């Protein structure tokens, strides 16, 4: 494994996953995601419904939804004047995150082998 090449690839993966990591790193967004999943509503939830399921204010829910939407974790669809937020089943951003984690694991395995050889 050529290490400098692997590290450069990992740097790009970190950059590509930054928005997802930021979005998932917030406790309020984690809580919102869990509550949205618990609802089992595959067609989506409105801001008011999410507000009722969390202890967050309506403006806070809207703020967090924007971050999750920008990270491509959720999508929004309009029905007239109503906006429904739902999980994107084709989450490219989550796939990037999984790839990055696998890559980190591979690099760590190489480091472990090198460390054991030096012991």
Protein backbone atom coordinates (compact mmCIF):
# COMPACT_ATOMS: atom_id res chain seq x y z
CA UNK A 1 0.00 0.00 0.00
CA UNK A 2 1.52 3.29 -1.08
CA UNK A 3 0.83 5.42 1.94
CA UNK A 4 1.03 8.92 0.49
CA UNK A 5 -1.49 8.01 -2.22
CA UNK A 6 -3.83 6.46 0.36
CA UNK A 7 -3.59 9.49 2.63
CA UNK A 8 -4.35 11.85 -0.28
CA UNK A 9 -7.40 9.76 -1.19
CA UNK A 10 -8.51 9.83 2.45
CA UNK A 11 -8.14 13.63 2.52
CA UNK A 12 -10.54 13.87 -0.43
CA UNK A 13 -12.95 11.46 1.26
CA UNK A 14 -12.90 13.64 4.40
CA UNK A 15 -13.67 16.70 2.28
CA UNK A 16 -16.49 14.89 0.45
CA UNK A 17 -17.97 13.66 3.74
CA UNK A 18 -17.56 16.88 5.73
CA UNK A 19 -21.20 18.03 5.42
CA UNK A 20 -22.52 14.62 6.45
CA UNK A 21 -20.15 14.44 9.41
CA UNK A 22 -21.19 17.92 10.53
CA UNK A 23 -24.88 17.14 10.04
CA UNK A 24 -24.71 13.86 11.94
CA UNK A 25 -22.43 15.24 14.64
CA UNK A 26 -25.08 17.44 16.25
CA UNK A 27 -27.10 15.91 19.09
CA UNK A 28 -30.29 17.77 18.12
CA UNK A 29 -30.09 16.51 14.53
CA UNK A 30 -29.43 12.98 15.78
CA UNK A 31 -32.55 13.25 17.94
CA UNK A 32 -34.57 14.60 14.98
CA UNK A 33 -33.38 11.79 12.72
CA UNK A 34 -34.34 9.18 15.29
CA UNK A 35 -37.78 10.74 15.85
CA UNK A 36 -38.38 10.94 12.10
CA UNK A 37 -37.41 7.27 11.73
CA UNK A 38 -39.57 6.27 14.69
CA UNK A 39 -42.57 7.87 13.03
CA UNK A 40 -42.34 5.31 10.25
CA UNK A 41 -43.85 7.82 7.84
CA UNK A 42 -42.12 7.13 4.53
CA UNK A 43 -44.01 9.90 2.75
CA UNK A 44 -42.39 12.56 4.91
CA UNK A 45 -43.11 14.81 7.84
CA UNK A 46 -43.89 18.50 8.03
CA UNK A 47 -41.94 20.88 10.23
CA UNK A 48 -44.82 21.08 12.71
CA UNK A 49 -44.95 17.29 13.03
CA UNK A 50 -41.21 17.12 13.69
CA UNK A 51 -41.51 19.97 16.20
CA UNK A 52 -44.22 18.01 18.06
CA UNK A 53 -41.97 14.93 18.22
CA UNK A 54 -38.95 16.84 19.55
CA UNK A 55 -38.31 19.46 22.19
CA UNK A 56 -37.08 21.87 19.53
CA UNK A 57 -38.75 25.08 18.42
CA UNK A 58 -40.14 25.40 14.92
CA UNK A 59 -37.28 27.72 13.80
CA UNK A 60 -34.72 25.29 15.25
CA UNK A 61 -36.31 22.36 13.41
CA UNK A 62 -36.26 24.35 10.16
CA UNK A 63 -32.60 25.24 10.73
CA UNK A 64 -31.62 21.61 11.37
CA UNK A 65 -33.66 20.37 8.42
CA UNK A 66 -31.76 22.77 6.15
CA UNK A 67 -28.44 21.36 7.35
CA UNK A 68 -29.64 17.78 6.85
CA UNK A 69 -30.98 18.71 3.42
CA UNK A 70 -27.73 20.44 2.43
CA UNK A 71 -25.85 17.29 3.52
CA UNK A 72 -28.19 15.29 1.23
CA UNK A 73 -29.42 13.12 4.11
CA UNK A 74 -33.03 14.19 3.66
CA UNK A 75 -35.05 15.59 0.79
CA UNK A 76 -38.07 17.82 0.65
CA UNK A 77 -41.12 17.59 -1.56
CA UNK A 78 -43.88 20.14 -1.95
CA UNK A 79 -47.58 19.46 -2.06
CA UNK A 80 -49.20 22.80 -2.72
CA UNK A 81 -48.02 25.02 0.11
CA UNK A 82 -46.94 22.10 2.33
CA UNK A 83 -43.34 20.86 2.56
CA UNK A 84 -42.65 17.25 3.50
CA UNK A 85 -39.21 16.11 4.65
CA UNK A 86 -38.16 12.51 4.12
CA UNK A 87 -35.02 10.39 4.02
CA UNK A 88 -33.28 9.99 0.71
CA UNK A 89 -33.02 6.23 0.13
CA UNK A 90 -30.32 6.80 -2.48
CA UNK A 91 -28.08 8.66 -0.08
CA UNK A 92 -24.90 9.25 -2.02
CA UNK A 93 -23.49 11.19 0.94
CA UNK A 94 -23.90 8.21 3.29
CA UNK A 95 -22.25 5.93 0.71
CA UNK A 96 -19.25 8.30 0.65
CA UNK A 97 -19.11 8.14 4.44
CA UNK A 98 -19.18 4.33 4.43
CA UNK A 99 -16.40 4.25 1.83
CA UNK A 100 -14.32 6.64 3.93
CA UNK A 101 -14.75 4.51 7.05
CA UNK A 102 -13.72 1.36 5.18
CA UNK A 103 -10.68 3.22 3.83
CA UNK A 104 -9.73 4.37 7.35
CA UNK A 105 -10.05 0.80 8.58
CA UNK A 106 -7.77 -0.47 5.79
CA UNK A 107 -5.12 2.15 6.57
CA UNK A 108 -5.33 1.35 10.28
CA UNK A 109 -4.82 -2.35 9.53
CA UNK A 110 -1.66 -1.54 7.56
CA UNK A 111 -0.42 0.64 10.42
CA UNK A 112 -1.12 -2.17 12.89
CA UNK A 113 0.87 -4.65 10.80
CA UNK A 114 3.77 -2.18 10.50
CA UNK A 115 3.67 -1.54 14.25
CA UNK A 116 3.69 -5.27 15.02
CA UNK A 117 6.67 -5.79 12.68
CA UNK A 118 8.59 -3.06 14.51
CA UNK A 119 7.86 -4.52 17.97
